[in-house]
Amino acid sequence: MITVGTRFDEVVLGGVVRQGWWLVVEDEDGPGLVVDGPFGDRDEAVWAADDEDRPAGVQAVYGVRRADGLLRRRASPQDRAWWSFLGEQADRLPEDWDADLDDEHPLPGLVLEVLGVLAEAGLFLYDPTGADGELGGVCLTPETALDGVVVSWRQHDRMSRERLHGAAADALVQQVMNRALAEVLSVRGFAVEPIGGACVVREGEPAE
């Protein structure tokens, strides 16, 4: 009998919980050995992994525990939520920006990398078509002619259009935010080149 639970996105096989968060000793040559679990959520598993009595190298991993005690990795609920969020962010990119690119072109991959880094930093893309477009955000424009992605900041309409705090404040804040974006992307290993008030982002050396 197979039952799919709802509380922790668990799978019960023969009355035993098999899918969830587990503590695993990783094996470079294959699936890791389960040493404890399942846990109710990732935080509980990570907290348990920090116990000083645990074996060296134990990690919190989401997956399905096999009958032989090894773990088959699966995308966690957090992973699926993350990819769903990135998809929503990608929908804010300029329409048909990749229509003329073939499957081997590196630009789409670069766009997704930049998008992911920005999201991990807590920075969302500007949505010019959304009801909340006036909120601002990151403007991300793939440019095949530049072989990269143009990245800039868009302030809330109160600053960028209404200029409630004056043109000087608008200009200074814009400079600070554009510089911050460039620094974040540089720290994460991209090659960043200033262009006007924005920057062009290209593949670079991975950050250590």
C-alpha atoms as a PDB file:
ATOM      1  CA  MET A   1       0.000   0.000   0.000  1.00  0.00           C
ATOM      2  CA  ILE A   2       1.249   3.479  -0.902  1.00  0.00           C
ATOM      3  CA  THR A   3      -0.160   6.530   0.855  1.00  0.00           C
ATOM      4  CA  VAL A   4       0.782  10.120   0.071  1.00  0.00           C
ATOM      5  CA  GLY A   5       0.557  12.259   3.193  1.00  0.00           C
ATOM      6  CA  THR A   6      -0.118  15.969   3.328  1.00  0.00           C
ATOM      7  CA  ARG A   7       1.421  17.196   6.564  1.00  0.00           C
ATOM      8  CA  PHE A   8       5.075  17.004   5.549  1.00  0.00           C
ATOM      9  CA  ASP A   9       4.710  15.967   1.929  1.00  0.00           C
ATOM     10  CA  GLU A  10       5.516  12.442   3.046  1.00  0.00           C
ATOM     11  CA  VAL A  11       5.133   9.094   1.316  1.00  0.00           C
ATOM     12  CA  VAL A  12       4.173   6.092   3.440  1.00  0.00           C
ATOM     13  CA  LEU A  13       5.124   2.663   2.070  1.00  0.00           C
ATOM     14  CA  GLY A  14       3.671  -0.323   3.852  1.00  0.00           C
ATOM     15  CA  GLY A  15       2.881   1.799   6.899  1.00  0.00           C
ATOM     16  CA  VAL A  16       6.435   3.212   7.118  1.00  0.00           C
ATOM     17  CA  VAL A  17       7.297   6.805   6.255  1.00  0.00           C
ATOM     18  CA  ARG A  18       9.848   6.712   3.441  1.00  0.00           C
ATOM     19  CA  GLN A  19       9.903  10.238   1.987  1.00  0.00           C
ATOM     20  CA  GLY A  20      10.883  13.333   3.953  1.00  0.00           C
ATOM     21  CA  TRP A  21      13.902  14.961   5.597  1.00  0.00           C
ATOM     22  CA  TRP A  22      16.585  12.528   6.774  1.00  0.00           C
ATOM     23  CA  LEU A  23      20.058  12.646   8.245  1.00  0.00           C
ATOM     24  CA  VAL A  24      22.437  11.025   5.806  1.00  0.00           C
ATOM     25  CA  VAL A  25      26.125  10.184   5.706  1.00  0.00           C
ATOM     26  CA  GLU A  26      27.025  11.013   2.122  1.00  0.00           C
ATOM     27  CA  ASP A  27      28.766   8.540  -0.150  1.00  0.00           C
ATOM     28  CA  GLU A  28      30.636  10.010  -3.135  1.00  0.00           C
ATOM     29  CA  ASP A  29      30.021   6.847  -5.138  1.00  0.00           C
ATOM     30  CA  GLY A  30      26.259   6.658  -4.677  1.00  0.00           C
ATOM     31  CA  PRO A  31      23.268   7.254  -2.392  1.00  0.00           C
ATOM     32  CA  GLY A  32      23.976   8.204   1.201  1.00  0.00           C
ATOM     33  CA  LEU A  33      23.259   6.000   4.222  1.00  0.00           C
ATOM     34  CA  VAL A  34      20.325   7.133   6.367  1.00  0.00           C
ATOM     35  CA  VAL A  35      21.257   7.443  10.043  1.00  0.00           C
ATOM     36  CA  ASP A  36      18.101   9.114  11.377  1.00  0.00           C
ATOM     37  CA  GLY A  37      14.695  10.440  10.366  1.00  0.00           C
ATOM     38  CA  PRO A  38      12.313  11.276   8.964  1.00  0.00           C
ATOM     39  CA  PHE A  39      11.993  14.750  10.464  1.00  0.00           C
ATOM     40  CA  GLY A  40       8.989  17.037  10.256  1.00  0.00           C
ATOM     41  CA  ASP A  41      10.799  19.763   8.319  1.00  0.00           C
ATOM     42  CA  ARG A  42      14.226  20.957   7.201  1.00  0.00           C
ATOM     43  CA  ASP A  43      14.879  23.088  10.296  1.00  0.00           C
ATOM     44  CA  GLU A  44      14.281  20.121  12.584  1.00  0.00           C
ATOM     45  CA  ALA A  45      16.622  17.959  10.519  1.00  0.00           C
ATOM     46  CA  VAL A  46      19.372  20.609  10.436  1.00  0.00           C
ATOM     47  CA  TRP A  47      19.089  21.111  14.193  1.00  0.00           C
ATOM     48  CA  ALA A  48      19.422  17.365  14.739  1.00  0.00           C
ATOM     49  CA  ALA A  49      22.446  17.218  12.412  1.00  0.00           C
ATOM     50  CA  ASP A  50      24.289  19.686  14.644  1.00  0.00           C
ATOM     51  CA  ASP A  51      24.229  17.233  17.551  1.00  0.00           C
ATOM     52  CA  GLU A  52      27.848  16.590  18.547  1.00  0.00           C
ATOM     53  CA  ASP A  53      27.163  12.865  18.842  1.00  0.00           C
ATOM     54  CA  ARG A  54      26.354  12.593  15.136  1.00  0.00           C
ATOM     55  CA  PRO A  55      28.820  10.929  12.736  1.00  0.00           C
ATOM     56  CA  ALA A  56      31.203  13.204  10.868  1.00  0.00           C
ATOM     57  CA  GLY A  57      29.825  14.470   7.573  1.00  0.00           C
ATOM     58  CA  VAL A  58      26.161  13.904   8.364  1.00  0.00           C
ATOM     59  CA  GLN A  59      23.803  16.105   6.324  1.00  0.00           C
ATOM     60  CA  ALA A  60      20.097  16.900   6.232  1.00  0.00           C
ATOM     61  CA  VAL A  61      18.768  15.619   2.909  1.00  0.00           C
ATOM     62  CA  TYR A  62      15.273  15.293   1.439  1.00  0.00           C
ATOM     63  CA  GLY A  63      14.382  12.105  -0.340  1.00  0.00           C
ATOM     64  CA  VAL A  64      12.972   8.586  -0.256  1.00  0.00           C
ATOM     65  CA  ARG A  65      14.519   6.034   2.110  1.00  0.00           C
ATOM     66  CA  ARG A  66      15.069   2.766   0.317  1.00  0.00           C
ATOM     67  CA  ALA A  67      14.526  -0.624   1.932  1.00  0.00           C
ATOM     68  CA  ASP A  68      18.316  -1.099   2.138  1.00  0.00           C
ATOM     69  CA  GLY A  69      18.699   2.047   4.278  1.00  0.00           C
ATOM     70  CA  LEU A  70      20.109   4.245   1.525  1.00  0.00           C
ATOM     71  CA  LEU A  71      18.475   7.483   0.375  1.00  0.00           C
ATOM     72  CA  ARG A  72      17.250   8.377  -3.070  1.00  0.00           C
ATOM     73  CA  ARG A  73      17.297  12.173  -3.338  1.00  0.00           C
ATOM     74  CA  ARG A  74      14.128  14.006  -4.307  1.00  0.00           C
ATOM     75  CA  ALA A  75      13.274  17.672  -4.799  1.00  0.00           C
ATOM     76  CA  SER A  76      12.087  19.004  -1.456  1.00  0.00           C
ATOM     77  CA  PRO A  77       8.960  21.158  -1.025  1.00  0.00           C
ATOM     78  CA  GLN A  78      11.316  24.115  -0.566  1.00  0.00           C
ATOM     79  CA  ASP A  79      13.100  23.266  -3.842  1.00  0.00           C
ATOM     80  CA  ARG A  80       9.804  23.080  -5.719  1.00  0.00           C
ATOM     81  CA  ALA A  81       8.623  26.368  -4.225  1.00  0.00           C
ATOM     82  CA  TRP A  82      11.936  27.972  -5.209  1.00  0.00           C
ATOM     83  CA  TRP A  83      11.711  26.842  -8.840  1.00  0.00           C
ATOM     84  CA  SER A  84       8.101  27.957  -9.002  1.00  0.00           C
ATOM     85  CA  PHE A  85       9.124  31.391  -7.727  1.00  0.00           C
ATOM     86  CA  LEU A  86      11.936  31.652 -10.279  1.00  0.00           C
ATOM     87  CA  GLY A  87       9.437  30.782 -13.007  1.00  0.00           C
ATOM     88  CA  GLU A  88       7.181  33.611 -11.862  1.00  0.00           C
ATOM     89  CA  GLN A  89      10.147  35.982 -11.903  1.00  0.00           C
ATOM     90  CA  ALA A  90      11.204  34.831 -15.381  1.00  0.00           C
ATOM     91  CA  ASP A  91       7.728  35.712 -16.639  1.00  0.00           C
ATOM     92  CA  ARG A  92       8.617  39.355 -15.943  1.00  0.00           C
ATOM     93  CA  LEU A  93      11.403  39.351 -18.537  1.00  0.00           C
ATOM     94  CA  PRO A  94      10.798  41.227 -21.799  1.00  0.00           C
ATOM     95  CA  GLU A  95       8.356  39.328 -24.002  1.00  0.00           C
ATOM     96  CA  ASP A  96       9.925  37.006 -26.602  1.00  0.00           C
ATOM     97  CA  TRP A  97      13.443  38.017 -25.598  1.00  0.00           C
ATOM     98  CA  ASP A  98      14.714  34.505 -26.418  1.00  0.00           C
ATOM     99  CA  ALA A  99      12.572  33.864 -29.504  1.00  0.00           C
ATOM    100  CA  ASP A 100      15.537  33.971 -31.906  1.00  0.00           C
ATOM    101  CA  LEU A 101      17.950  31.958 -29.749  1.00  0.00           C
ATOM    102  CA  ASP A 102      18.637  28.280 -30.418  1.00  0.00           C
ATOM    103  CA  ASP A 103      18.848  25.642 -27.691  1.00  0.00           C
ATOM    104  CA  GLU A 104      22.650  25.829 -27.595  1.00  0.00           C
ATOM    105  CA  HIS A 105      22.868  29.570 -27.015  1.00  0.00           C
ATOM    106  CA  PRO A 106      24.435  30.351 -23.596  1.00  0.00           C
ATOM    107  CA  LEU A 107      22.394  33.502 -22.901  1.00  0.00           C
ATOM    108  CA  PRO A 108      19.249  31.794 -21.500  1.00  0.00           C
ATOM    109  CA  GLY A 109      21.372  29.917 -18.999  1.00  0.00           C
ATOM    110  CA  LEU A 110      23.130  33.121 -17.968  1.00  0.00           C
ATOM    111  CA  VAL A 111      19.787  34.862 -17.523  1.00  0.00           C
ATOM    112  CA  LEU A 112      18.563  32.148 -15.168  1.00  0.00           C
ATOM    113  CA  GLU A 113      21.810  32.248 -13.196  1.00  0.00           C
ATOM    114  CA  VAL A 114      21.565  36.022 -12.745  1.00  0.00           C
ATOM    115  CA  LEU A 115      17.894  35.726 -11.871  1.00  0.00           C
ATOM    116  CA  GLY A 116      18.651  33.113  -9.232  1.00  0.00           C
ATOM    117  CA  VAL A 117      21.455  35.138  -7.650  1.00  0.00           C
ATOM    118  CA  LEU A 118      19.265  38.232  -7.446  1.00  0.00           C
ATOM    119  CA  ALA A 119      16.414  36.242  -5.898  1.00  0.00           C
ATOM    120  CA  GLU A 120      18.751  34.670  -3.334  1.00  0.00           C
ATOM    121  CA  ALA A 121      19.820  38.198  -2.365  1.00  0.00           C
ATOM    122  CA  GLY A 122      16.154  39.089  -1.821  1.00  0.00           C
ATOM    123  CA  LEU A 123      15.872  41.230  -4.949  1.00  0.00           C
ATOM    124  CA  PHE A 124      12.823  40.827  -7.189  1.00  0.00           C
ATOM    125  CA  LEU A 125      12.405  41.777 -10.821  1.00  0.00           C
ATOM    126  CA  TYR A 126      10.451  44.845 -11.844  1.00  0.00           C
ATOM    127  CA  ASP A 127       7.113  43.929 -13.413  1.00  0.00           C
ATOM    128  CA  PRO A 128       6.108  46.665 -15.861  1.00  0.00           C
ATOM    129  CA  THR A 129       2.875  44.882 -16.758  1.00  0.00           C
ATOM    130  CA  GLY A 130       1.702  44.048 -13.247  1.00  0.00           C
ATOM    131  CA  ALA A 131      -0.771  45.915 -11.097  1.00  0.00           C
ATOM    132  CA  ASP A 132       2.053  46.668  -8.668  1.00  0.00           C
ATOM    133  CA  GLY A 133       4.537  47.846 -11.290  1.00  0.00           C
ATOM    134  CA  GLU A 134       4.975  51.111  -9.454  1.00  0.00           C
ATOM    135  CA  LEU A 135       6.773  49.232  -6.670  1.00  0.00           C
ATOM    136  CA  GLY A 136       9.969  49.046  -8.686  1.00  0.00           C
ATOM    137  CA  GLY A 137      12.613  46.334  -8.635  1.00  0.00           C
ATOM    138  CA  VAL A 138      15.461  45.007 -10.768  1.00  0.00           C
ATOM    139  CA  CYS A 139      15.275  45.594 -14.520  1.00  0.00           C
ATOM    140  CA  LEU A 140      16.926  42.658 -16.261  1.00  0.00           C
ATOM    141  CA  THR A 141      17.292  42.831 -20.052  1.00  0.00           C
ATOM    142  CA  PRO A 142      19.085  40.076 -22.012  1.00  0.00           C
ATOM    143  CA  GLU A 143      21.059  41.586 -24.913  1.00  0.00           C
ATOM    144  CA  THR A 144      22.469  39.274 -27.563  1.00  0.00           C
ATOM    145  CA  ALA A 145      24.392  42.158 -29.143  1.00  0.00           C
ATOM    146  CA  LEU A 146      26.264  42.648 -25.865  1.00  0.00           C
ATOM    147  CA  ASP A 147      26.541  38.915 -25.167  1.00  0.00           C
ATOM    148  CA  GLY A 148      25.215  39.524 -21.685  1.00  0.00           C
ATOM    149  CA  VAL A 149      22.452  40.812 -19.467  1.00  0.00           C
ATOM    150  CA  VAL A 150      21.860  44.499 -18.739  1.00  0.00           C
ATOM    151  CA  VAL A 151      20.961  44.951 -15.083  1.00  0.00           C
ATOM    152  CA  SER A 152      19.664  48.150 -13.486  1.00  0.00           C
ATOM    153  CA  TRP A 153      17.429  49.302 -10.656  1.00  0.00           C
ATOM    154  CA  ARG A 154      13.944  50.780 -10.969  1.00  0.00           C
ATOM    155  CA  GLN A 155      12.743  52.780  -7.994  1.00  0.00           C
ATOM    156  CA  HIS A 156       9.184  53.123  -6.760  1.00  0.00           C
ATOM    157  CA  ASP A 157       7.141  55.661  -8.714  1.00  0.00           C
ATOM    158  CA  ARG A 158       7.248  57.946  -5.695  1.00  0.00           C
ATOM    159  CA  MET A 159      10.963  58.383  -6.368  1.00  0.00           C
ATOM    160  CA  SER A 160      11.355  57.791 -10.104  1.00  0.00           C
ATOM    161  CA  ARG A 161       8.293  59.616 -11.445  1.00  0.00           C
ATOM    162  CA  GLU A 162       6.723  61.758  -8.775  1.00  0.00           C
ATOM    163  CA  ARG A 163      10.114  62.682  -7.302  1.00  0.00           C
ATOM    164  CA  LEU A 164       8.553  63.473  -3.961  1.00  0.00           C
ATOM    165  CA  HIS A 165      12.002  63.877  -2.434  1.00  0.00           C
ATOM    166  CA  GLY A 166      13.508  65.853  -5.291  1.00  0.00           C
ATOM    167  CA  ALA A 167      15.583  65.113  -8.357  1.00  0.00           C
ATOM    168  CA  ALA A 168      18.843  65.006  -6.398  1.00  0.00           C
ATOM    169  CA  ALA A 169      17.598  62.286  -4.034  1.00  0.00           C
ATOM    170  CA  ASP A 170      16.231  60.324  -6.985  1.00  0.00           C
ATOM    171  CA  ALA A 171      19.572  60.437  -8.797  1.00  0.00           C
ATOM    172  CA  LEU A 172      21.650  59.542  -5.737  1.00  0.00           C
ATOM    173  CA  VAL A 173      19.476  56.620  -4.707  1.00  0.00           C
ATOM    174  CA  GLN A 174      19.541  55.338  -8.284  1.00  0.00           C
ATOM    175  CA  GLN A 175      23.338  55.441  -8.309  1.00  0.00           C
ATOM    176  CA  VAL A 176      23.579  53.633  -4.970  1.00  0.00           C
ATOM    177  CA  MET A 177      21.185  50.865  -5.987  1.00  0.00           C
ATOM    178  CA  ASN A 178      22.816  50.308  -9.381  1.00  0.00           C
ATOM    179  CA  ARG A 179      26.204  50.114  -7.702  1.00  0.00           C
ATOM    180  CA  ALA A 180      24.845  47.650  -5.135  1.00  0.00           C
ATOM    181  CA  LEU A 181      23.477  45.391  -7.872  1.00  0.00           C
ATOM    182  CA  ALA A 182      26.843  45.403  -9.650  1.00  0.00           C
ATOM    183  CA  GLU A 183      28.663  44.551  -6.420  1.00  0.00           C
ATOM    184  CA  VAL A 184      26.314  41.692  -5.536  1.00  0.00           C
ATOM    185  CA  LEU A 185      26.722  40.116  -8.971  1.00  0.00           C
ATOM    186  CA  SER A 186      30.484  40.634  -8.919  1.00  0.00           C
ATOM    187  CA  VAL A 187      30.754  38.985  -5.497  1.00  0.00           C
ATOM    188  CA  ARG A 188      28.845  35.986  -6.869  1.00  0.00           C
ATOM    189  CA  GLY A 189      31.423  35.507  -9.605  1.00  0.00           C
ATOM    190  CA  PHE A 190      29.989  37.246 -12.661  1.00  0.00           C
ATOM    191  CA  ALA A 191      31.977  39.545 -14.918  1.00  0.00           C
ATOM    192  CA  VAL A 192      30.392  42.974 -14.496  1.00  0.00           C
ATOM    193  CA  GLU A 193      30.973  45.933 -16.814  1.00  0.00           C
ATOM    194  CA  PRO A 194      29.475  49.403 -16.222  1.00  0.00           C
ATOM    195  CA  ILE A 195      27.319  50.753 -19.036  1.00  0.00           C
ATOM    196  CA  GLY A 196      25.764  54.138 -18.465  1.00  0.00           C
ATOM    197  CA  GLY A 197      24.093  53.999 -15.070  1.00  0.00           C
ATOM    198  CA  ALA A 198      23.551  50.235 -15.351  1.00  0.00           C
ATOM    199  CA  CYS A 199      25.888  47.278 -15.892  1.00  0.00           C
ATOM    200  CA  VAL A 200      26.330  44.393 -18.314  1.00  0.00           C
ATOM    201  CA  VAL A 201      26.692  41.002 -16.672  1.00  0.00           C
ATOM    202  CA  ARG A 202      28.523  38.130 -18.334  1.00  0.00           C
ATOM    203  CA  GLU A 203      29.910  34.758 -17.305  1.00  0.00           C
ATOM    204  CA  GLY A 204      32.872  35.049 -14.997  1.00  0.00           C
ATOM    205  CA  GLU A 205      34.927  32.993 -12.595  1.00  0.00           C
ATOM    206  CA  PRO A 206      32.898  31.086  -9.956  1.00  0.00           C
ATOM    207  CA  ALA A 207      33.047  32.715  -6.524  1.00  0.00           C
ATOM    208  CA  GLU A 208      34.981  30.685  -3.942  1.00  0.00           C
END
